């Protein structure tokens, strides 16, 4: 029997988040950027300047305004379900001690997309909605817009709005915290 024959008849085994976390702790992925999505260990794309810049600008803007009310996690694991532990670009999570386990609740998750737009729209949006994440933003660096996903349902978000560069967004859970969309695509001068 050849290897291709085995693969045709094989049933893949999903990995659970607890197993994945043990592998991470044991150093299996020390030189790789990976995340767990629906039981599959997925390699993440390298981060280029077009992706990194909006992340940096959001961090600079959000940290001082949410300090003492919530925590901003940058490209850190999020305990989404027993079979998924994505590493969103940004997650605003409730204040708490996450030294023993990653947060499983978020007020807002933000993904910055250049090459990952379809994955962020389809796979990640569905997962975040099913887990009850109340608000999910996709910063589309190619189109220079932010997609705001709200009203999570088991099958996905009921509301998706595109915010153009002349828009100002506010975070539903922290309505006094706003983000100027145009400011995400250019550095402060």
N, C-alpha and C. Protein backbone atom coordinates (compact mmCIF):
# COMPACT_ATOMS: atom_id res chain seq x y z
N UNK A 1 0.85 -1.18 0.00
CA UNK A 1 0.00 0.00 0.00
C UNK A 1 0.89 1.24 0.00
N UNK A 2 0.57 2.19 -0.85
CA UNK A 2 1.35 3.41 -0.97
C UNK A 2 0.81 4.48 -0.02
N UNK A 3 1.64 5.46 0.25
CA UNK A 3 1.26 6.54 1.18
C UNK A 3 0.00 7.25 0.71
N UNK A 4 -0.16 7.46 -0.59
CA UNK A 4 -1.36 8.15 -1.09
C UNK A 4 -2.61 7.33 -0.83
N UNK A 5 -2.50 5.99 -0.89
CA UNK A 5 -3.64 5.13 -0.58
C UNK A 5 -4.04 5.26 0.88
N UNK A 6 -3.05 5.32 1.74
CA UNK A 6 -3.33 5.48 3.18
C UNK A 6 -4.05 6.80 3.42
N UNK A 7 -3.56 7.87 2.79
CA UNK A 7 -4.18 9.18 2.98
C UNK A 7 -5.62 9.22 2.47
N UNK A 8 -5.91 8.52 1.40
CA UNK A 8 -7.27 8.50 0.87
C UNK A 8 -8.25 7.85 1.82
N UNK A 9 -7.76 6.91 2.63
CA UNK A 9 -8.64 6.17 3.52
C UNK A 9 -8.48 6.56 4.99
N UNK A 10 -7.61 7.49 5.25
CA UNK A 10 -7.35 7.90 6.62
C UNK A 10 -8.40 8.89 7.10
N UNK A 11 -8.65 8.83 8.38
CA UNK A 11 -9.53 9.81 9.01
C UNK A 11 -8.65 10.69 9.90
N UNK A 12 -8.57 11.97 9.59
CA UNK A 12 -7.75 12.84 10.43
C UNK A 12 -8.32 12.91 11.84
N UNK A 13 -7.46 13.08 12.81
CA UNK A 13 -7.88 13.22 14.19
C UNK A 13 -7.67 14.66 14.61
N UNK A 14 -8.72 15.28 15.05
CA UNK A 14 -8.63 16.66 15.53
C UNK A 14 -7.85 16.68 16.84
N UNK A 15 -7.19 17.78 17.08
CA UNK A 15 -6.47 17.96 18.33
C UNK A 15 -7.29 18.90 19.22
N UNK A 16 -7.33 18.62 20.49
CA UNK A 16 -8.07 19.45 21.43
C UNK A 16 -7.19 20.57 21.94
N UNK A 17 -7.81 21.64 22.38
CA UNK A 17 -7.08 22.80 22.86
C UNK A 17 -6.14 22.44 24.01
N UNK A 18 -6.58 21.61 24.93
CA UNK A 18 -5.73 21.21 26.06
C UNK A 18 -4.46 20.49 25.56
N UNK A 19 -4.61 19.65 24.55
CA UNK A 19 -3.46 18.96 23.96
C UNK A 19 -2.53 19.96 23.28
N UNK A 20 -3.12 20.86 22.53
CA UNK A 20 -2.36 21.89 21.83
C UNK A 20 -1.56 22.73 22.82
N UNK A 21 -2.19 23.14 23.92
CA UNK A 21 -1.50 23.95 24.92
C UNK A 21 -0.33 23.20 25.54
N UNK A 22 -0.49 21.88 25.75
CA UNK A 22 0.63 21.08 26.27
C UNK A 22 1.79 21.05 25.27
N UNK A 23 1.46 20.90 24.00
CA UNK A 23 2.50 20.90 22.97
C UNK A 23 3.22 22.25 22.92
N UNK A 24 2.48 23.34 23.06
CA UNK A 24 3.08 24.67 23.09
C UNK A 24 4.01 24.79 24.28
N UNK A 25 3.55 24.36 25.47
CA UNK A 25 4.37 24.44 26.68
C UNK A 25 5.64 23.61 26.57
N UNK A 26 5.57 22.51 25.84
CA UNK A 26 6.74 21.64 25.68
C UNK A 26 7.67 22.11 24.57
N UNK A 27 7.32 23.22 23.91
CA UNK A 27 8.21 23.82 22.93
C UNK A 27 8.10 23.29 21.52
N UNK A 28 7.05 22.56 21.22
CA UNK A 28 6.91 21.97 19.89
C UNK A 28 6.85 23.01 18.77
N UNK A 29 6.37 24.20 19.08
CA UNK A 29 6.17 25.21 18.04
C UNK A 29 7.02 26.46 18.29
N UNK A 30 8.14 26.31 18.99
CA UNK A 30 8.94 27.47 19.36
C UNK A 30 9.39 28.31 18.17
N UNK A 31 9.65 27.71 17.06
CA UNK A 31 10.14 28.45 15.90
C UNK A 31 9.08 28.61 14.82
N UNK A 32 7.82 28.46 15.21
CA UNK A 32 6.73 28.57 14.24
C UNK A 32 5.65 29.49 14.78
N UNK A 33 4.93 30.10 13.88
CA UNK A 33 3.76 30.92 14.24
C UNK A 33 2.54 30.12 13.82
N UNK A 34 1.85 29.54 14.80
CA UNK A 34 0.70 28.68 14.52
C UNK A 34 -0.45 29.05 15.45
N UNK A 35 -1.65 28.60 15.08
CA UNK A 35 -2.81 28.72 15.94
C UNK A 35 -3.69 27.50 15.71
N UNK A 36 -4.55 27.22 16.66
CA UNK A 36 -5.46 26.07 16.57
C UNK A 36 -6.82 26.55 16.10
N UNK A 37 -7.27 26.03 14.96
CA UNK A 37 -8.57 26.41 14.40
C UNK A 37 -9.34 25.13 14.11
N UNK A 38 -10.42 24.93 14.84
CA UNK A 38 -11.31 23.78 14.67
C UNK A 38 -10.54 22.46 14.66
N UNK A 39 -9.64 22.33 15.64
CA UNK A 39 -8.91 21.08 15.82
C UNK A 39 -7.72 20.90 14.91
N UNK A 40 -7.42 21.88 14.07
CA UNK A 40 -6.31 21.79 13.13
C UNK A 40 -5.27 22.85 13.48
N UNK A 41 -4.02 22.44 13.52
CA UNK A 41 -2.94 23.39 13.75
C UNK A 41 -2.63 24.06 12.41
N UNK A 42 -2.82 25.38 12.38
CA UNK A 42 -2.71 26.15 11.14
C UNK A 42 -1.51 27.08 11.22
N UNK A 43 -0.68 27.07 10.19
CA UNK A 43 0.42 28.03 10.12
C UNK A 43 -0.14 29.40 9.78
N UNK A 44 0.37 30.40 10.46
CA UNK A 44 -0.07 31.77 10.23
C UNK A 44 0.88 32.44 9.25
N UNK A 45 0.35 33.36 8.48
CA UNK A 45 1.15 34.10 7.51
C UNK A 45 2.12 35.03 8.22
N UNK A 46 3.28 35.27 7.62
CA UNK A 46 4.19 36.27 8.19
C UNK A 46 3.52 37.64 8.19
N UNK A 47 3.93 38.48 9.11
CA UNK A 47 3.34 39.80 9.25
C UNK A 47 4.21 40.82 8.52
N UNK A 48 3.64 41.46 7.50
CA UNK A 48 4.35 42.50 6.76
C UNK A 48 4.01 43.87 7.30
N UNK A 49 4.66 44.91 6.79
CA UNK A 49 4.43 46.28 7.26
C UNK A 49 2.98 46.75 7.12
N UNK A 50 2.31 46.39 6.02
CA UNK A 50 0.92 46.82 5.82
C UNK A 50 0.00 46.24 6.88
N UNK A 51 0.36 45.10 7.41
CA UNK A 51 -0.41 44.45 8.48
C UNK A 51 -0.01 45.02 9.85
N UNK A 52 1.29 45.16 10.05
CA UNK A 52 1.80 45.59 11.36
C UNK A 52 1.42 47.02 11.71
N UNK A 53 1.40 47.91 10.71
CA UNK A 53 1.14 49.32 10.99
C UNK A 53 -0.22 49.56 11.65
N UNK A 54 -1.34 49.03 11.11
CA UNK A 54 -2.62 49.25 11.81
C UNK A 54 -2.65 48.63 13.22
N UNK A 55 -1.96 47.51 13.40
CA UNK A 55 -1.91 46.91 14.74
C UNK A 55 -1.22 47.88 15.70
N UNK A 56 -0.07 48.41 15.29
CA UNK A 56 0.65 49.37 16.14
C UNK A 56 -0.19 50.60 16.44
N UNK A 57 -0.84 51.13 15.41
CA UNK A 57 -1.66 52.34 15.61
C UNK A 57 -2.84 52.09 16.54
N UNK A 58 -3.45 50.92 16.41
CA UNK A 58 -4.56 50.58 17.32
C UNK A 58 -4.07 50.44 18.75
N UNK A 59 -2.93 49.79 18.94
CA UNK A 59 -2.38 49.64 20.30
C UNK A 59 -2.12 51.01 20.91
N UNK A 60 -1.44 51.88 20.16
CA UNK A 60 -1.13 53.23 20.67
C UNK A 60 -2.40 53.99 21.04
N UNK A 61 -3.45 53.81 20.25
CA UNK A 61 -4.70 54.53 20.48
C UNK A 61 -5.51 53.94 21.62
N UNK A 62 -5.60 52.62 21.68
CA UNK A 62 -6.52 51.98 22.61
C UNK A 62 -5.99 51.82 24.04
N UNK A 63 -4.72 51.51 24.18
CA UNK A 63 -4.19 51.20 25.52
C UNK A 63 -4.50 52.29 26.54
N UNK A 64 -4.18 53.55 26.27
CA UNK A 64 -4.45 54.55 27.32
C UNK A 64 -5.94 54.75 27.61
N UNK A 65 -6.79 54.48 26.63
CA UNK A 65 -8.23 54.74 26.81
C UNK A 65 -8.98 53.59 27.47
N UNK A 66 -8.40 52.40 27.48
CA UNK A 66 -9.09 51.29 28.14
C UNK A 66 -8.40 50.88 29.44
N UNK A 67 -7.27 51.49 29.74
CA UNK A 67 -6.51 51.15 30.95
C UNK A 67 -7.41 51.21 32.19
N UNK A 68 -7.34 50.17 32.98
CA UNK A 68 -8.14 50.08 34.21
C UNK A 68 -9.55 49.59 33.99
N UNK A 69 -9.98 49.45 32.73
CA UNK A 69 -11.35 49.00 32.44
C UNK A 69 -11.37 47.67 31.70
N UNK A 70 -10.33 47.41 30.95
CA UNK A 70 -10.22 46.17 30.18
C UNK A 70 -8.74 46.01 29.84
N UNK A 71 -8.41 44.86 29.29
CA UNK A 71 -7.03 44.60 28.90
C UNK A 71 -6.95 44.40 27.40
N UNK A 72 -5.92 44.97 26.79
CA UNK A 72 -5.68 44.77 25.36
C UNK A 72 -4.58 43.73 25.20
N UNK A 73 -4.92 42.64 24.50
CA UNK A 73 -3.95 41.58 24.22
C UNK A 73 -3.61 41.63 22.74
N UNK A 74 -2.33 41.58 22.44
CA UNK A 74 -1.84 41.72 21.07
C UNK A 74 -1.24 40.40 20.61
N UNK A 75 -1.86 39.80 19.59
CA UNK A 75 -1.40 38.56 18.99
C UNK A 75 -1.09 37.50 20.06
N UNK A 76 -2.06 37.35 20.97
CA UNK A 76 -1.95 36.38 22.06
C UNK A 76 -3.09 35.36 21.95
N UNK A 77 -2.90 34.16 22.49
CA UNK A 77 -3.94 33.13 22.40
C UNK A 77 -5.25 33.55 23.06
N UNK A 78 -6.33 33.12 22.44
CA UNK A 78 -7.69 33.35 22.94
C UNK A 78 -8.36 31.98 23.02
N UNK A 79 -8.79 31.57 24.21
CA UNK A 79 -9.39 30.25 24.44
C UNK A 79 -10.83 30.25 23.93
N UNK A 80 -10.98 30.07 22.65
CA UNK A 80 -12.28 30.21 22.00
C UNK A 80 -13.21 29.04 22.27
N UNK A 81 -12.69 27.83 22.16
CA UNK A 81 -13.51 26.63 22.39
C UNK A 81 -12.56 25.47 22.69
N UNK A 82 -13.11 24.29 22.88
CA UNK A 82 -12.27 23.12 23.13
C UNK A 82 -11.41 22.75 21.94
N UNK A 83 -11.78 23.24 20.74
CA UNK A 83 -11.03 22.87 19.54
C UNK A 83 -10.39 24.06 18.83
N UNK A 84 -10.48 25.26 19.40
CA UNK A 84 -9.91 26.43 18.73
C UNK A 84 -9.25 27.38 19.73
N UNK A 85 -8.04 27.78 19.38
CA UNK A 85 -7.31 28.78 20.16
C UNK A 85 -6.60 29.72 19.17
N UNK A 86 -7.38 30.61 18.55
CA UNK A 86 -6.76 31.54 17.61
C UNK A 86 -5.91 32.57 18.36
N UNK A 87 -5.09 33.28 17.60
CA UNK A 87 -4.29 34.37 18.13
C UNK A 87 -4.65 35.63 17.36
N UNK A 88 -5.76 36.26 17.74
CA UNK A 88 -6.19 37.46 17.01
C UNK A 88 -5.16 38.57 17.13
N UNK A 89 -5.17 39.46 16.15
CA UNK A 89 -4.23 40.58 16.20
C UNK A 89 -4.44 41.39 17.47
N UNK A 90 -5.70 41.67 17.81
CA UNK A 90 -6.02 42.39 19.04
C UNK A 90 -7.27 41.79 19.67
N UNK A 91 -7.25 41.69 20.97
CA UNK A 91 -8.45 41.27 21.71
C UNK A 91 -8.57 42.15 22.93
N UNK A 92 -9.70 42.81 23.05
CA UNK A 92 -9.99 43.56 24.27
C UNK A 92 -10.79 42.61 25.15
N UNK A 93 -10.21 42.26 26.28
CA UNK A 93 -10.80 41.26 27.17
C UNK A 93 -11.07 41.89 28.54
N UNK A 94 -11.96 41.28 29.32
CA UNK A 94 -12.20 41.81 30.66
C UNK A 94 -10.92 41.79 31.50
N UNK A 95 -10.85 42.70 32.45
CA UNK A 95 -9.73 42.67 33.38
C UNK A 95 -9.73 41.32 34.09
N UNK A 96 -8.56 40.82 34.38
CA UNK A 96 -8.47 39.54 35.08
C UNK A 96 -7.05 39.05 35.10
N UNK A 97 -6.87 37.96 35.83
CA UNK A 97 -5.57 37.30 35.93
C UNK A 97 -5.55 36.17 34.90
N UNK A 98 -4.72 36.32 33.88
CA UNK A 98 -4.61 35.30 32.83
C UNK A 98 -3.28 34.56 32.90
N UNK A 99 -2.70 34.50 34.10
CA UNK A 99 -1.42 33.82 34.26
C UNK A 99 -1.56 32.29 34.25
N UNK A 100 -2.75 31.77 34.50
CA UNK A 100 -2.97 30.32 34.51
C UNK A 100 -3.70 29.82 33.27
N UNK A 101 -4.48 30.69 32.65
CA UNK A 101 -5.21 30.29 31.45
C UNK A 101 -5.50 31.52 30.59
N UNK A 102 -5.61 31.28 29.30
CA UNK A 102 -5.91 32.38 28.38
C UNK A 102 -7.37 32.80 28.53
N UNK A 103 -7.68 34.04 28.21
CA UNK A 103 -9.07 34.49 28.32
C UNK A 103 -9.98 33.74 27.34
N UNK A 104 -11.22 33.56 27.76
CA UNK A 104 -12.22 32.90 26.91
C UNK A 104 -13.38 33.84 26.60
N UNK A 105 -13.30 35.06 27.10
CA UNK A 105 -14.30 36.09 26.80
C UNK A 105 -13.59 37.32 26.27
N UNK A 106 -14.26 37.98 25.34
CA UNK A 106 -13.70 39.22 24.78
C UNK A 106 -14.83 40.22 24.58
N UNK A 107 -14.50 41.48 24.74
CA UNK A 107 -15.43 42.56 24.45
C UNK A 107 -15.38 42.88 22.96
N UNK A 108 -14.19 42.76 22.39
CA UNK A 108 -13.96 43.04 20.97
C UNK A 108 -12.75 42.27 20.51
N UNK A 109 -12.84 41.68 19.33
CA UNK A 109 -11.69 41.06 18.69
C UNK A 109 -11.48 41.78 17.36
N UNK A 110 -10.21 42.07 17.06
CA UNK A 110 -9.85 42.74 15.82
C UNK A 110 -8.81 41.89 15.08
N UNK A 111 -9.09 41.61 13.83
CA UNK A 111 -8.12 40.96 12.94
C UNK A 111 -7.77 41.97 11.86
N UNK A 112 -6.49 42.09 11.57
CA UNK A 112 -6.02 42.92 10.46
C UNK A 112 -5.75 41.98 9.30
N UNK A 113 -6.35 42.27 8.16
CA UNK A 113 -6.29 41.35 7.02
C UNK A 113 -5.68 42.00 5.80
N UNK A 114 -4.68 41.35 5.27
CA UNK A 114 -4.22 41.68 3.92
C UNK A 114 -4.35 40.40 3.11
N UNK A 115 -3.53 39.40 3.37
CA UNK A 115 -3.66 38.14 2.64
C UNK A 115 -4.66 37.18 3.29
N UNK A 116 -5.11 37.45 4.50
CA UNK A 116 -5.98 36.53 5.25
C UNK A 116 -7.45 36.93 5.24
N UNK A 117 -7.85 37.83 4.38
CA UNK A 117 -9.21 38.39 4.42
C UNK A 117 -10.29 37.32 4.36
N UNK A 118 -10.22 36.41 3.43
CA UNK A 118 -11.25 35.38 3.30
C UNK A 118 -11.32 34.50 4.54
N UNK A 119 -10.18 34.11 5.07
CA UNK A 119 -10.13 33.29 6.29
C UNK A 119 -10.72 34.06 7.47
N UNK A 120 -10.41 35.35 7.58
CA UNK A 120 -10.94 36.16 8.67
C UNK A 120 -12.45 36.37 8.54
N UNK A 121 -12.93 36.53 7.31
CA UNK A 121 -14.36 36.74 7.07
C UNK A 121 -15.18 35.46 7.27
N UNK A 122 -14.69 34.38 6.77
CA UNK A 122 -15.47 33.14 6.77
C UNK A 122 -15.23 32.33 8.05
N UNK A 123 -14.04 31.81 8.18
CA UNK A 123 -13.75 30.89 9.28
C UNK A 123 -13.76 31.58 10.64
N UNK A 124 -12.95 32.62 10.77
CA UNK A 124 -12.83 33.25 12.09
C UNK A 124 -14.11 33.96 12.51
N UNK A 125 -14.78 34.63 11.60
CA UNK A 125 -16.04 35.30 11.95
C UNK A 125 -17.05 34.29 12.47
N UNK A 126 -17.15 33.15 11.82
CA UNK A 126 -18.09 32.10 12.27
C UNK A 126 -17.73 31.60 13.66
N UNK A 127 -16.45 31.36 13.88
CA UNK A 127 -16.01 30.87 15.18
C UNK A 127 -16.26 31.89 16.30
N UNK A 128 -15.90 33.15 16.04
CA UNK A 128 -16.09 34.19 17.06
C UNK A 128 -17.58 34.39 17.35
N UNK A 129 -18.42 34.37 16.32
CA UNK A 129 -19.86 34.54 16.53
C UNK A 129 -20.43 33.37 17.33
N UNK A 130 -20.08 32.15 16.96
CA UNK A 130 -20.59 30.97 17.67
C UNK A 130 -20.17 30.97 19.14
N UNK A 131 -19.01 31.56 19.44
CA UNK A 131 -18.53 31.64 20.82
C UNK A 131 -19.13 32.81 21.57
N UNK A 132 -19.92 33.65 20.89
CA UNK A 132 -20.58 34.76 21.55
C UNK A 132 -19.76 36.02 21.70
N UNK A 133 -18.68 36.16 20.93
CA UNK A 133 -17.90 37.40 20.97
C UNK A 133 -18.81 38.51 20.42
N UNK A 134 -19.14 39.52 21.22
CA UNK A 134 -20.17 40.48 20.84
C UNK A 134 -19.81 41.38 19.66
N UNK A 135 -18.52 41.61 19.46
CA UNK A 135 -18.12 42.52 18.39
C UNK A 135 -16.79 42.06 17.81
N UNK A 136 -16.72 42.06 16.48
CA UNK A 136 -15.54 41.60 15.75
C UNK A 136 -15.28 42.55 14.60
N UNK A 137 -14.08 43.10 14.54
CA UNK A 137 -13.70 44.00 13.47
C UNK A 137 -12.66 43.34 12.59
N UNK A 138 -12.79 43.54 11.28
CA UNK A 138 -11.75 43.14 10.34
C UNK A 138 -11.24 44.42 9.69
N UNK A 139 -9.98 44.72 9.91
CA UNK A 139 -9.34 45.87 9.28
C UNK A 139 -8.78 45.37 7.95
N UNK A 140 -9.44 45.74 6.87
CA UNK A 140 -9.06 45.32 5.52
C UNK A 140 -8.08 46.35 4.97
N UNK A 141 -6.78 46.01 5.01
CA UNK A 141 -5.76 46.98 4.61
C UNK A 141 -5.74 47.23 3.11
N UNK A 142 -6.23 46.29 2.30
CA UNK A 142 -6.25 46.48 0.86
C UNK A 142 -7.35 47.47 0.46
N UNK A 143 -8.57 47.25 0.96
CA UNK A 143 -9.70 48.14 0.64
C UNK A 143 -9.73 49.39 1.52
N UNK A 144 -8.92 49.39 2.58
CA UNK A 144 -8.85 50.51 3.52
C UNK A 144 -10.21 50.78 4.17
N UNK A 145 -10.83 49.72 4.65
CA UNK A 145 -12.10 49.80 5.37
C UNK A 145 -12.03 48.89 6.60
N UNK A 146 -12.97 49.09 7.50
CA UNK A 146 -13.12 48.21 8.65
C UNK A 146 -14.51 47.59 8.57
N UNK A 147 -14.57 46.29 8.62
CA UNK A 147 -15.86 45.59 8.69
C UNK A 147 -16.18 45.38 10.16
N UNK A 148 -17.35 45.83 10.57
CA UNK A 148 -17.78 45.70 11.95
C UNK A 148 -18.88 44.64 12.01
N UNK A 149 -18.59 43.56 12.70
CA UNK A 149 -19.52 42.43 12.84
C UNK A 149 -20.10 42.48 14.25
N UNK A 150 -21.43 42.51 14.35
CA UNK A 150 -22.11 42.52 15.65
C UNK A 150 -23.30 41.56 15.62
N UNK A 151 -23.93 41.41 16.74
CA UNK A 151 -25.09 40.53 16.92
C UNK A 151 -24.73 39.07 16.60
N UNK A 152 -23.87 38.48 17.44
CA UNK A 152 -23.44 37.11 17.19
C UNK A 152 -24.58 36.10 17.30
N UNK A 153 -24.58 35.14 16.41
CA UNK A 153 -25.53 34.03 16.40
C UNK A 153 -24.72 32.75 16.20
N UNK A 154 -25.32 31.63 16.41
CA UNK A 154 -24.63 30.35 16.22
C UNK A 154 -24.11 30.19 14.80
N UNK A 155 -24.83 30.75 13.82
CA UNK A 155 -24.46 30.60 12.41
C UNK A 155 -23.62 31.76 11.88
N UNK A 156 -23.34 32.76 12.68
CA UNK A 156 -22.54 33.89 12.24
C UNK A 156 -23.08 35.19 12.80
N UNK A 157 -22.49 36.28 12.40
CA UNK A 157 -22.94 37.59 12.87
C UNK A 157 -24.13 38.06 12.04
N UNK A 158 -25.16 38.56 12.73
CA UNK A 158 -26.38 39.02 12.05
C UNK A 158 -26.17 40.36 11.37
N UNK A 159 -25.23 41.16 11.86
CA UNK A 159 -25.00 42.49 11.29
C UNK A 159 -23.54 42.64 10.90
N UNK A 160 -23.31 43.08 9.67
CA UNK A 160 -21.97 43.40 9.19
C UNK A 160 -22.05 44.75 8.48
N UNK A 161 -21.28 45.70 8.98
CA UNK A 161 -21.26 47.06 8.41
C UNK A 161 -19.84 47.36 7.95
N UNK A 162 -19.73 48.00 6.80
CA UNK A 162 -18.42 48.45 6.30
C UNK A 162 -18.25 49.92 6.66
N UNK A 163 -17.16 50.22 7.33
CA UNK A 163 -16.86 51.60 7.72
C UNK A 163 -15.72 52.11 6.85
N UNK A 164 -16.02 53.12 6.07
CA UNK A 164 -15.04 53.70 5.15
C UNK A 164 -14.05 54.57 5.92
N UNK A 165 -13.06 55.08 5.21
CA UNK A 165 -11.97 55.82 5.87
C UNK A 165 -12.42 57.12 6.54
N UNK A 166 -13.58 57.64 6.21
CA UNK A 166 -14.04 58.87 6.86
C UNK A 166 -14.91 58.58 8.09
N UNK A 167 -14.94 57.35 8.53
CA UNK A 167 -15.78 56.95 9.67
C UNK A 167 -15.02 56.98 10.99
N UNK A 168 -15.79 57.13 12.04
CA UNK A 168 -15.27 56.99 13.40
C UNK A 168 -16.08 55.88 14.05
N UNK A 169 -15.38 54.88 14.56
CA UNK A 169 -16.05 53.73 15.18
C UNK A 169 -15.97 53.85 16.69
N UNK A 170 -17.00 53.36 17.36
CA UNK A 170 -16.92 53.24 18.81
C UNK A 170 -17.12 51.78 19.17
N UNK A 171 -16.47 51.38 20.24
CA UNK A 171 -16.56 50.01 20.71
C UNK A 171 -17.85 49.87 21.50
N UNK A 172 -18.67 48.91 21.14
CA UNK A 172 -19.98 48.75 21.77
C UNK A 172 -19.88 48.66 23.29
N UNK A 173 -18.95 47.85 23.80
CA UNK A 173 -18.82 47.66 25.25
C UNK A 173 -18.19 48.85 25.95
N UNK A 174 -17.49 49.69 25.21
CA UNK A 174 -16.83 50.87 25.75
C UNK A 174 -17.14 52.04 24.81
N UNK A 175 -18.39 52.54 24.80
CA UNK A 175 -18.82 53.49 23.77
C UNK A 175 -18.06 54.80 23.72
N UNK A 176 -17.38 55.16 24.79
CA UNK A 176 -16.59 56.39 24.77
C UNK A 176 -15.23 56.21 24.10
N UNK A 177 -14.87 54.96 23.79
CA UNK A 177 -13.60 54.67 23.12
C UNK A 177 -13.87 54.60 21.62
N UNK A 178 -13.27 55.55 20.89
CA UNK A 178 -13.51 55.63 19.45
C UNK A 178 -12.21 55.41 18.67
N UNK A 179 -12.40 55.01 17.42
CA UNK A 179 -11.27 54.77 16.52
C UNK A 179 -11.58 55.47 15.19
N UNK A 180 -10.68 56.33 14.76
CA UNK A 180 -10.79 57.00 13.46
C UNK A 180 -10.25 56.05 12.41
N UNK A 181 -11.11 55.59 11.51
CA UNK A 181 -10.72 54.58 10.52
C UNK A 181 -9.59 55.09 9.65
N UNK A 182 -9.63 56.35 9.23
CA UNK A 182 -8.57 56.87 8.35
C UNK A 182 -7.21 56.83 9.03
N UNK A 183 -7.18 56.94 10.34
CA UNK A 183 -5.93 56.91 11.08
C UNK A 183 -5.28 55.54 11.13
N UNK A 184 -6.00 54.50 10.72
CA UNK A 184 -5.44 53.15 10.75
C UNK A 184 -4.52 52.86 9.58
N UNK A 185 -4.59 53.67 8.56
CA UNK A 185 -3.86 53.37 7.34
C UNK A 185 -2.71 54.31 7.06
N UNK A 186 -2.45 55.23 7.99
CA UNK A 186 -1.32 56.13 7.85
C UNK A 186 -0.68 56.32 9.23
N UNK A 187 0.60 56.51 9.26
CA UNK A 187 1.29 56.75 10.52
C UNK A 187 1.03 58.17 10.99
N UNK A 188 1.08 58.36 12.29
CA UNK A 188 0.95 59.72 12.83
C UNK A 188 2.16 60.53 12.42
N UNK A 189 1.92 61.75 12.05
CA UNK A 189 3.04 62.60 11.58
C UNK A 189 3.50 63.49 12.71
